[in-house]
Each structure stands twice: as C-alpha cells, then as structure tokens.
Amino acid sequence: MIQEKPYSKLLNSNQNVIGSWDMALEWAQNEWAPAMRKAGLRYLAYVVPASYYATLTVETLIQRIDDEFEIRTFDKETDAEAWLLCQQ
C-alpha cells in the first residue's frame, strides 16, 4: 500500500497482540524496514500491546530498525496520532 501511495507517517497499533512474534523480526529488519524507507516512510508511531512478551518483541524490533525511521512508542492511539500530526 505504501509503495502504491507513499506516506511518510505510519501508526502501527499492536494493542491487541498477545505473545511474542520473534519469528518475524529478521524479516522486518532486513526486508520490511528497508522497503518502507525506500517508499518514503520516515515516522513510525508504535502503540504497544498490554502483553509483556509482545512489548518485548516491539522493543527488540525498534532497536533493530531505529536507524531507518524516527520511532516513538505510545500506550494510546490518540497520543500516537497527535505525535504523527506534529511531524513535518
């Protein structure tokens, strides 16, 4: 979708994710993040889940891709939206 209609901002909500998704980290780091950066993505607002293990996976992903985007984590989607709207 981002390749067809480029956006510089993305809100990724994982509020309802339960458990770890470690098996996707390598793909997200090596394929997804570079492709999204190439397509124009610059700002990533991440709404973290309530699940401890899912949150750990999000934190690991951010450590792996924080050189690709400006990333912020949030507990609520409204806060994530507000941050994205403030970015130029």
N, C-alpha and C. Protein backbone atom coordinates (compact mmCIF):
# COMPACT_ATOMS: atom_id res chain seq x y z
N MET A 1 0.81 -1.18 0.00
CA MET A 1 0.00 0.00 0.00
C MET A 1 0.87 1.26 0.00
N ILE A 2 1.92 1.26 0.81
CA ILE A 2 2.78 2.45 0.89
C ILE A 2 3.55 2.63 -0.42
N GLN A 3 3.86 1.54 -1.10
CA GLN A 3 4.55 1.68 -2.37
C GLN A 3 3.62 2.24 -3.44
N GLU A 4 2.33 1.92 -3.38
CA GLU A 4 1.37 2.43 -4.36
C GLU A 4 1.00 3.88 -4.10
N LYS A 5 0.88 4.25 -2.84
CA LYS A 5 0.53 5.62 -2.47
C LYS A 5 1.43 5.99 -1.28
N PRO A 6 2.58 6.56 -1.54
CA PRO A 6 3.57 6.80 -0.49
C PRO A 6 3.06 7.71 0.63
N TYR A 7 3.41 7.32 1.83
CA TYR A 7 3.15 8.10 3.03
C TYR A 7 4.44 8.19 3.82
N SER A 8 4.64 9.29 4.51
CA SER A 8 5.85 9.43 5.32
C SER A 8 5.61 9.06 6.77
N LYS A 9 4.34 8.82 7.14
CA LYS A 9 3.98 8.54 8.53
C LYS A 9 3.13 7.28 8.61
N LEU A 10 3.39 6.49 9.68
CA LEU A 10 2.62 5.26 9.87
C LEU A 10 2.32 5.08 11.35
N LEU A 11 1.07 4.77 11.66
CA LEU A 11 0.68 4.39 13.01
C LEU A 11 0.48 2.88 13.01
N ASN A 12 1.26 2.18 13.79
CA ASN A 12 1.17 0.73 13.89
C ASN A 12 0.67 0.39 15.29
N SER A 13 -0.56 -0.06 15.38
CA SER A 13 -1.15 -0.39 16.67
C SER A 13 -1.09 -1.89 16.91
N ASN A 14 -0.43 -2.25 18.00
CA ASN A 14 -0.36 -3.65 18.42
C ASN A 14 -1.06 -3.84 19.76
N GLN A 15 -2.04 -3.00 20.04
CA GLN A 15 -2.73 -3.06 21.33
C GLN A 15 -3.29 -4.42 21.66
N ASN A 16 -3.76 -5.14 20.66
CA ASN A 16 -4.42 -6.42 20.91
C ASN A 16 -3.54 -7.63 20.63
N VAL A 17 -2.26 -7.41 20.40
CA VAL A 17 -1.35 -8.52 20.15
C VAL A 17 -1.03 -9.21 21.48
N ILE A 18 -1.10 -10.53 21.45
CA ILE A 18 -0.79 -11.32 22.64
C ILE A 18 0.38 -12.23 22.31
N GLY A 19 1.40 -12.20 23.11
CA GLY A 19 2.53 -13.09 22.92
C GLY A 19 3.59 -12.52 21.99
N SER A 20 4.66 -13.25 21.90
CA SER A 20 5.82 -12.84 21.11
C SER A 20 5.61 -13.16 19.64
N TRP A 21 6.24 -12.36 18.79
CA TRP A 21 6.26 -12.63 17.35
C TRP A 21 7.70 -12.50 16.85
N ASP A 22 8.62 -13.05 17.66
CA ASP A 22 10.05 -13.00 17.36
C ASP A 22 10.41 -13.56 15.99
N MET A 23 9.64 -14.53 15.51
CA MET A 23 9.97 -15.17 14.24
C MET A 23 9.92 -14.20 13.07
N ALA A 24 9.31 -13.03 13.24
CA ALA A 24 9.20 -12.06 12.15
C ALA A 24 10.24 -10.94 12.25
N LEU A 25 11.04 -10.92 13.30
CA LEU A 25 11.98 -9.81 13.50
C LEU A 25 13.01 -9.69 12.38
N GLU A 26 13.58 -10.80 11.99
CA GLU A 26 14.60 -10.76 10.94
C GLU A 26 14.01 -10.23 9.63
N TRP A 27 12.82 -10.70 9.28
CA TRP A 27 12.14 -10.22 8.07
C TRP A 27 11.86 -8.73 8.17
N ALA A 28 11.33 -8.29 9.32
CA ALA A 28 11.01 -6.87 9.50
C ALA A 28 12.26 -6.00 9.38
N GLN A 29 13.35 -6.47 9.93
CA GLN A 29 14.60 -5.71 9.89
C GLN A 29 15.21 -5.69 8.49
N ASN A 30 15.26 -6.83 7.85
CA ASN A 30 16.00 -6.95 6.59
C ASN A 30 15.19 -6.67 5.33
N GLU A 31 13.87 -6.82 5.41
CA GLU A 31 13.05 -6.62 4.23
C GLU A 31 12.03 -5.50 4.39
N TRP A 32 11.20 -5.58 5.43
CA TRP A 32 10.13 -4.60 5.59
C TRP A 32 10.66 -3.19 5.80
N ALA A 33 11.53 -3.00 6.79
CA ALA A 33 12.01 -1.65 7.11
C ALA A 33 12.73 -0.99 5.93
N PRO A 34 13.69 -1.65 5.27
CA PRO A 34 14.33 -1.01 4.12
C PRO A 34 13.36 -0.69 2.98
N ALA A 35 12.38 -1.57 2.74
CA ALA A 35 11.40 -1.31 1.68
C ALA A 35 10.53 -0.12 2.02
N MET A 36 10.13 -0.01 3.27
CA MET A 36 9.29 1.12 3.68
C MET A 36 10.08 2.43 3.66
N ARG A 37 11.33 2.36 4.04
CA ARG A 37 12.19 3.56 3.98
C ARG A 37 12.34 4.01 2.53
N LYS A 38 12.57 3.07 1.64
CA LYS A 38 12.72 3.38 0.22
C LYS A 38 11.43 3.97 -0.35
N ALA A 39 10.28 3.52 0.17
CA ALA A 39 8.98 4.00 -0.29
C ALA A 39 8.63 5.37 0.30
N GLY A 40 9.44 5.86 1.24
CA GLY A 40 9.21 7.20 1.77
C GLY A 40 8.80 7.30 3.22
N LEU A 41 8.65 6.18 3.91
CA LEU A 41 8.26 6.22 5.31
C LEU A 41 9.38 6.84 6.15
N ARG A 42 9.02 7.80 7.01
CA ARG A 42 10.01 8.48 7.85
C ARG A 42 9.67 8.43 9.34
N TYR A 43 8.37 8.40 9.65
CA TYR A 43 7.92 8.45 11.05
C TYR A 43 7.04 7.24 11.36
N LEU A 44 7.37 6.55 12.44
CA LEU A 44 6.63 5.36 12.84
C LEU A 44 6.18 5.52 14.28
N ALA A 45 4.87 5.61 14.49
CA ALA A 45 4.29 5.66 15.82
C ALA A 45 3.81 4.26 16.16
N TYR A 46 4.31 3.70 17.23
CA TYR A 46 4.03 2.33 17.60
C TYR A 46 3.21 2.30 18.89
N VAL A 47 1.98 1.81 18.82
CA VAL A 47 1.16 1.64 20.02
C VAL A 47 1.46 0.25 20.57
N VAL A 48 2.03 0.22 21.76
CA VAL A 48 2.50 -1.04 22.33
C VAL A 48 1.35 -1.83 22.94
N PRO A 49 1.47 -3.16 22.92
CA PRO A 49 0.43 -4.02 23.47
C PRO A 49 0.52 -4.10 24.99
N ALA A 50 -0.54 -4.60 25.59
CA ALA A 50 -0.54 -4.80 27.04
C ALA A 50 0.27 -6.04 27.41
N SER A 51 0.43 -6.96 26.48
CA SER A 51 1.17 -8.19 26.72
C SER A 51 2.66 -7.90 26.91
N TYR A 52 3.21 -8.39 28.00
CA TYR A 52 4.63 -8.17 28.29
C TYR A 52 5.52 -8.74 27.19
N TYR A 53 5.23 -9.95 26.75
CA TYR A 53 6.08 -10.60 25.73
C TYR A 53 5.97 -9.92 24.38
N ALA A 54 4.80 -9.48 24.02
CA ALA A 54 4.65 -8.74 22.76
C ALA A 54 5.37 -7.40 22.84
N THR A 55 5.32 -6.76 23.98
CA THR A 55 6.03 -5.49 24.16
C THR A 55 7.53 -5.68 24.04
N LEU A 56 8.06 -6.76 24.59
CA LEU A 56 9.48 -7.04 24.45
C LEU A 56 9.87 -7.21 22.98
N THR A 57 9.01 -7.86 22.21
CA THR A 57 9.27 -8.04 20.78
C THR A 57 9.27 -6.70 20.07
N VAL A 58 8.33 -5.82 20.41
CA VAL A 58 8.30 -4.48 19.82
C VAL A 58 9.58 -3.73 20.14
N GLU A 59 10.02 -3.80 21.38
CA GLU A 59 11.25 -3.11 21.78
C GLU A 59 12.46 -3.65 21.02
N THR A 60 12.51 -4.95 20.82
CA THR A 60 13.60 -5.55 20.05
C THR A 60 13.57 -5.07 18.61
N LEU A 61 12.38 -5.03 18.02
CA LEU A 61 12.26 -4.54 16.65
C LEU A 61 12.74 -3.10 16.55
N ILE A 62 12.33 -2.26 17.47
CA ILE A 62 12.73 -0.86 17.44
C ILE A 62 14.25 -0.73 17.53
N GLN A 63 14.88 -1.51 18.36
CA GLN A 63 16.35 -1.48 18.44
C GLN A 63 16.99 -1.86 17.11
N ARG A 64 16.35 -2.76 16.38
CA ARG A 64 16.90 -3.23 15.10
C ARG A 64 16.68 -2.24 13.95
N ILE A 65 15.60 -1.44 14.02
CA ILE A 65 15.27 -0.59 12.86
C ILE A 65 15.26 0.89 13.18
N ASP A 66 15.72 1.30 14.35
CA ASP A 66 15.61 2.72 14.70
C ASP A 66 16.49 3.63 13.86
N ASP A 67 17.39 3.07 13.07
CA ASP A 67 18.18 3.90 12.16
C ASP A 67 17.43 4.13 10.84
N GLU A 68 16.34 3.43 10.63
CA GLU A 68 15.55 3.57 9.40
C GLU A 68 14.51 4.70 9.52
N PHE A 69 13.94 4.89 10.71
CA PHE A 69 12.84 5.83 10.91
C PHE A 69 13.00 6.56 12.23
N GLU A 70 12.23 7.62 12.40
CA GLU A 70 12.07 8.20 13.72
C GLU A 70 10.89 7.46 14.34
N ILE A 71 11.14 6.78 15.45
CA ILE A 71 10.14 5.91 16.06
C ILE A 71 9.83 6.38 17.48
N ARG A 72 8.55 6.38 17.81
CA ARG A 72 8.09 6.66 19.17
C ARG A 72 7.07 5.60 19.55
N THR A 73 7.05 5.23 20.83
CA THR A 73 6.06 4.27 21.31
C THR A 73 5.03 5.00 22.18
N PHE A 74 3.82 4.46 22.16
CA PHE A 74 2.70 5.07 22.87
C PHE A 74 1.82 3.99 23.49
N ASP A 75 1.10 4.36 24.54
CA ASP A 75 0.12 3.46 25.15
C ASP A 75 -1.25 3.62 24.52
N LYS A 76 -1.51 4.80 23.94
CA LYS A 76 -2.82 5.07 23.36
C LYS A 76 -2.69 5.56 21.92
N GLU A 77 -3.63 5.13 21.08
CA GLU A 77 -3.62 5.54 19.68
C GLU A 77 -3.78 7.04 19.53
N THR A 78 -4.57 7.66 20.38
CA THR A 78 -4.78 9.11 20.27
C THR A 78 -3.47 9.87 20.46
N ASP A 79 -2.62 9.40 21.36
CA ASP A 79 -1.32 10.05 21.56
C ASP A 79 -0.41 9.82 20.35
N ALA A 80 -0.47 8.63 19.79
CA ALA A 80 0.33 8.32 18.60
C ALA A 80 -0.09 9.19 17.42
N GLU A 81 -1.39 9.33 17.24
CA GLU A 81 -1.91 10.18 16.16
C GLU A 81 -1.47 11.63 16.34
N ALA A 82 -1.55 12.12 17.55
CA ALA A 82 -1.16 13.50 17.82
C ALA A 82 0.31 13.72 17.50
N TRP A 83 1.16 12.78 17.86
CA TRP A 83 2.59 12.92 17.56
C TRP A 83 2.82 12.93 16.04
N LEU A 84 2.18 12.01 15.34
CA LEU A 84 2.35 11.97 13.88
C LEU A 84 1.89 13.26 13.21
N LEU A 85 0.80 13.82 13.68
CA LEU A 85 0.28 15.05 13.10
C LEU A 85 1.23 16.23 13.31
N CYS A 86 2.06 16.16 14.34
CA CYS A 86 3.02 17.24 14.61
C CYS A 86 4.29 17.14 13.74
N GLN A 87 4.50 16.01 13.11
CA GLN A 87 5.71 15.82 12.30
C GLN A 87 5.53 16.47 10.94
N GLN A 88 6.58 17.12 10.46
CA GLN A 88 6.52 17.79 9.17
C GLN A 88 6.68 16.83 8.03
